[in-house]
Amino acid sequence: MPGIVEKMNLKTSELPDFTTVCVRKQQLKIAIWRTLLRLSATLHDTGDVQATDATAFDRHSASRHYANPTEYTFRSVKTTALVDCETSTVLDIHCSMKQPHDTHVGWQVLTRNLNQLQTIAADKGYDWDDLRAELRESGVRPVIKQWEFSPLDIAHNARHDDDVYHLRSVAEAVFFALKQRYGDTLRARTWFGQFRELVLKASVWNLELAL
């Protein structure tokens, strides 16, 4: 990109080949990519409410030779994000090549970010008493509605603050923005490459918001 090269006072001839950059990107451990995402989030003064939700990103088609031995069967990557509702910052992201239940992924994402949470809003897909108990024990207020199988469930849901609960739509809006701005198809062929690609999209999103 000539404009970016000029801004950095470089010449195209000084830069590594694109394929070299791609290979190097794959070699960096995922911990480095997570650190990049975490640091990009610290550029923002987050609010009192966070939300989590999941979506699917399409995967670039892989050859049958690669797909068969790696059980490359799903055409999309289930992606779960933890988002700050005031700034639309992505605090954490998780992807899965399979189709795990939202409660299991939610447990992973939320429990490793307890120090960043105050109030968490999520839809009924995250309805799990153990998760609520873990959040409350850590001083986090869960605004997660229950599936309504009995009058007691209806009564529990009526106690929630609807204004806070509806803030979970911020996570949906962030997913929509990520797909619109950076594309809804992951180009990396390997699952770990696709995870890095998702983390990079989220990090760049946070940086752009800060700018």
Protein backbone atom coordinates (compact mmCIF):
# COMPACT_ATOMS: atom_id res chain seq x y z
CA MET A 1 0.00 0.00 0.00
CA PRO A 2 1.96 3.03 -1.26
CA GLY A 3 0.18 5.48 1.06
CA ILE A 4 1.06 3.50 4.18
CA VAL A 5 4.64 2.92 3.02
CA GLU A 6 5.04 6.67 2.49
CA LYS A 7 3.65 7.49 5.95
CA MET A 8 6.24 5.18 7.51
CA ASN A 9 9.09 6.76 5.49
CA LEU A 10 9.89 3.41 3.86
CA LYS A 11 10.38 2.18 0.34
CA THR A 12 8.61 -0.82 -1.11
CA SER A 13 11.97 -2.43 -1.85
CA GLU A 14 12.78 -2.35 1.87
CA LEU A 15 9.75 -4.40 2.86
CA PRO A 16 9.64 -8.22 3.08
CA ASP A 17 7.64 -10.13 0.52
CA PHE A 18 3.97 -10.56 1.32
CA THR A 19 4.37 -14.34 1.63
CA THR A 20 7.11 -13.81 4.22
CA VAL A 21 4.78 -11.64 6.27
CA CYS A 22 2.07 -14.31 6.11
CA VAL A 23 4.43 -17.06 7.24
CA ARG A 24 5.75 -14.95 10.09
CA LYS A 25 2.24 -14.11 11.20
CA GLN A 26 1.46 -17.80 11.55
CA GLN A 27 4.61 -18.39 13.61
CA LEU A 28 3.74 -15.85 16.29
CA LYS A 29 2.16 -17.56 19.28
CA ILE A 30 -1.49 -16.89 20.00
CA ALA A 31 -0.51 -15.35 23.35
CA ILE A 32 1.09 -12.49 21.41
CA TRP A 33 -2.08 -11.90 19.43
CA ARG A 34 -4.16 -11.95 22.62
CA THR A 35 -1.77 -9.40 24.13
CA LEU A 36 -2.28 -7.18 21.08
CA LEU A 37 -6.05 -7.35 21.53
CA ARG A 38 -5.83 -6.70 25.27
CA LEU A 39 -3.56 -3.68 24.79
CA SER A 40 -5.79 -2.24 22.06
CA ALA A 41 -8.72 -2.44 24.49
CA THR A 42 -6.81 -0.49 27.16
CA LEU A 43 -6.88 2.56 24.87
CA HIS A 44 -10.53 3.01 25.87
CA ASP A 45 -12.22 3.95 29.13
CA THR A 46 -14.76 1.18 29.32
CA GLY A 47 -18.20 1.56 30.85
CA ASP A 48 -20.24 -0.30 33.46
CA VAL A 49 -21.94 -2.81 31.16
CA GLN A 50 -20.38 -5.46 28.95
CA ALA A 51 -22.13 -7.87 26.59
CA THR A 52 -21.34 -11.18 24.95
CA ASP A 53 -22.80 -12.75 21.84
CA ALA A 54 -21.85 -15.15 19.05
CA THR A 55 -21.94 -15.08 15.26
CA ALA A 56 -20.51 -17.03 12.35
CA PHE A 57 -17.72 -15.97 10.00
CA ASP A 58 -17.51 -17.80 6.68
CA ARG A 59 -14.38 -19.80 5.96
CA HIS A 60 -12.47 -19.70 2.70
CA SER A 61 -12.94 -23.02 0.96
CA ALA A 62 -10.08 -25.47 1.45
CA SER A 63 -8.92 -28.25 -0.83
CA ARG A 64 -10.24 -31.76 -0.18
CA HIS A 65 -6.64 -32.88 0.46
CA TYR A 66 -6.44 -30.48 3.41
CA ALA A 67 -10.04 -30.82 4.61
CA ASN A 68 -10.18 -34.59 5.04
CA PRO A 69 -7.31 -35.19 7.50
CA THR A 70 -8.11 -32.07 9.55
CA GLU A 71 -11.87 -32.71 9.87
CA TYR A 72 -12.49 -29.40 8.11
CA THR A 73 -16.24 -29.95 7.94
CA PHE A 74 -17.97 -26.72 8.97
CA ARG A 75 -18.16 -23.86 6.48
CA SER A 76 -18.21 -21.22 9.19
CA VAL A 77 -16.32 -20.36 12.36
CA LYS A 78 -18.41 -19.81 15.48
CA THR A 79 -17.11 -16.58 16.96
CA THR A 80 -17.93 -15.27 20.44
CA ALA A 81 -16.99 -11.75 21.48
CA LEU A 82 -16.98 -9.85 24.75
CA VAL A 83 -17.78 -6.20 24.05
CA ASP A 84 -17.93 -3.05 26.15
CA CYS A 85 -21.35 -1.48 25.62
CA GLU A 86 -20.27 2.14 26.11
CA THR A 87 -17.30 2.20 23.73
CA SER A 88 -18.03 -0.81 21.45
CA THR A 89 -14.54 -2.06 22.25
CA VAL A 90 -13.84 -5.77 21.78
CA LEU A 91 -12.38 -7.00 25.07
CA ASP A 92 -11.97 -10.66 24.12
CA ILE A 93 -12.78 -13.03 21.30
CA HIS A 94 -13.12 -16.79 21.00
CA CYS A 95 -13.55 -18.99 17.96
CA SER A 96 -14.42 -22.64 17.47
CA MET A 97 -14.25 -24.91 14.47
CA LYS A 98 -17.08 -27.00 15.92
CA GLN A 99 -20.44 -25.83 17.23
CA PRO A 100 -20.16 -25.75 21.07
CA HIS A 101 -23.06 -24.55 23.17
CA ASP A 102 -23.04 -20.85 24.03
CA THR A 103 -22.95 -21.59 27.76
CA HIS A 104 -19.67 -23.50 27.51
CA VAL A 105 -17.96 -20.83 25.43
CA GLY A 106 -19.48 -18.11 27.59
CA TRP A 107 -17.96 -19.72 30.67
CA GLN A 108 -14.48 -19.63 29.10
CA VAL A 109 -14.72 -16.06 27.86
CA LEU A 110 -16.35 -14.52 30.93
CA THR A 111 -14.38 -16.29 33.66
CA ARG A 112 -11.03 -15.30 32.14
CA ASN A 113 -12.13 -11.66 32.02
CA LEU A 114 -13.77 -11.30 35.44
CA ASN A 115 -11.50 -8.39 36.37
CA GLN A 116 -12.92 -6.38 33.43
CA LEU A 117 -16.60 -7.06 34.10
CA GLN A 118 -19.14 -5.15 36.16
CA THR A 119 -22.49 -6.01 34.58
CA ILE A 120 -22.75 -8.60 31.82
CA ALA A 121 -25.70 -8.72 29.42
CA ALA A 122 -26.36 -11.83 27.33
CA ASP A 123 -29.29 -13.56 25.68
CA LYS A 124 -30.99 -16.80 26.72
CA GLY A 125 -28.35 -18.86 24.95
CA TYR A 126 -26.15 -18.22 28.01
CA ASP A 127 -28.83 -19.32 30.48
CA TRP A 128 -26.85 -21.43 32.98
CA ASP A 129 -27.23 -21.19 36.74
CA ASP A 130 -23.60 -22.21 37.35
CA LEU A 131 -22.41 -19.34 35.18
CA ARG A 132 -24.61 -16.85 37.01
CA ALA A 133 -23.37 -18.12 40.36
CA GLU A 134 -19.73 -17.81 39.28
CA LEU A 135 -20.29 -14.24 38.09
CA ARG A 136 -22.09 -13.16 41.26
CA GLU A 137 -19.39 -14.73 43.43
CA SER A 138 -16.85 -12.59 41.59
CA GLY A 139 -18.87 -9.41 42.08
CA VAL A 140 -20.27 -9.31 38.53
CA ARG A 141 -23.97 -8.66 37.96
CA PRO A 142 -25.39 -11.09 35.37
CA VAL A 143 -28.29 -9.80 33.26
CA ILE A 144 -29.00 -13.07 31.48
CA LYS A 145 -32.62 -14.01 30.96
CA GLN A 146 -33.84 -17.57 31.51
CA TRP A 147 -35.74 -19.83 29.17
CA GLU A 148 -39.35 -19.59 30.33
CA PHE A 149 -40.50 -23.08 31.24
CA SER A 150 -42.41 -22.10 34.37
CA PRO A 151 -44.01 -19.08 36.06
CA LEU A 152 -40.90 -18.84 38.25
CA ASP A 153 -38.73 -18.34 35.15
CA ILE A 154 -41.07 -15.59 33.95
CA ALA A 155 -40.85 -13.92 37.37
CA HIS A 156 -37.04 -14.05 37.31
CA ASN A 157 -36.95 -12.43 33.86
CA ALA A 158 -39.34 -9.69 34.95
CA ARG A 159 -36.84 -8.60 37.60
CA HIS A 160 -34.20 -7.74 35.01
CA ASP A 161 -33.62 -4.16 33.90
CA ASP A 162 -34.74 -4.25 30.26
CA ASP A 163 -32.65 -1.19 29.37
CA VAL A 164 -29.51 -3.02 30.50
CA TYR A 165 -30.57 -6.32 28.94
CA HIS A 166 -31.11 -4.72 25.53
CA LEU A 167 -27.54 -3.37 25.57
CA ARG A 168 -26.51 -6.86 24.42
CA SER A 169 -27.45 -5.60 20.95
CA VAL A 170 -24.16 -3.64 21.02
CA ALA A 171 -22.32 -6.94 20.53
CA GLU A 172 -24.47 -7.68 17.47
CA ALA A 173 -23.73 -4.21 16.10
CA VAL A 174 -19.98 -4.73 16.56
CA PHE A 175 -20.12 -8.03 14.68
CA PHE A 176 -22.01 -6.32 11.85
CA ALA A 177 -19.41 -3.54 11.73
CA LEU A 178 -16.49 -6.00 11.70
CA LYS A 179 -17.99 -7.90 8.77
CA GLN A 180 -18.84 -4.75 6.85
CA ARG A 181 -15.44 -3.13 7.35
CA TYR A 182 -13.04 -6.08 7.19
CA GLY A 183 -15.07 -8.74 5.39
CA ASP A 184 -17.16 -11.65 6.62
CA THR A 185 -14.91 -14.36 5.14
CA LEU A 186 -11.74 -15.64 6.79
CA ARG A 187 -8.97 -16.20 4.25
CA ALA A 188 -6.51 -18.22 6.31
CA ARG A 189 -6.66 -21.93 5.51
CA THR A 190 -5.69 -23.32 8.94
CA TRP A 191 -7.91 -23.06 12.01
CA PHE A 192 -5.18 -21.38 14.06
CA GLY A 193 -4.60 -18.94 11.20
CA GLN A 194 -8.29 -18.11 11.16
CA PHE A 195 -8.25 -17.46 14.91
CA ARG A 196 -5.32 -15.08 14.47
CA GLU A 197 -7.21 -13.37 11.66
CA LEU A 198 -10.24 -12.82 13.92
CA VAL A 199 -8.12 -11.44 16.75
CA LEU A 200 -6.39 -9.11 14.29
CA LYS A 201 -9.74 -7.82 12.98
CA ALA A 202 -10.87 -7.09 16.55
CA SER A 203 -7.58 -5.39 17.44
CA VAL A 204 -7.67 -3.13 14.38
CA TRP A 205 -11.29 -2.29 15.20
CA ASN A 206 -10.25 -1.15 18.68
CA LEU A 207 -7.39 0.90 17.26
CA GLU A 208 -9.62 2.60 14.73
CA LEU A 209 -12.13 3.47 17.44
CA ALA A 210 -9.33 5.02 19.50
CA LEU A 211 -8.22 7.12 16.53
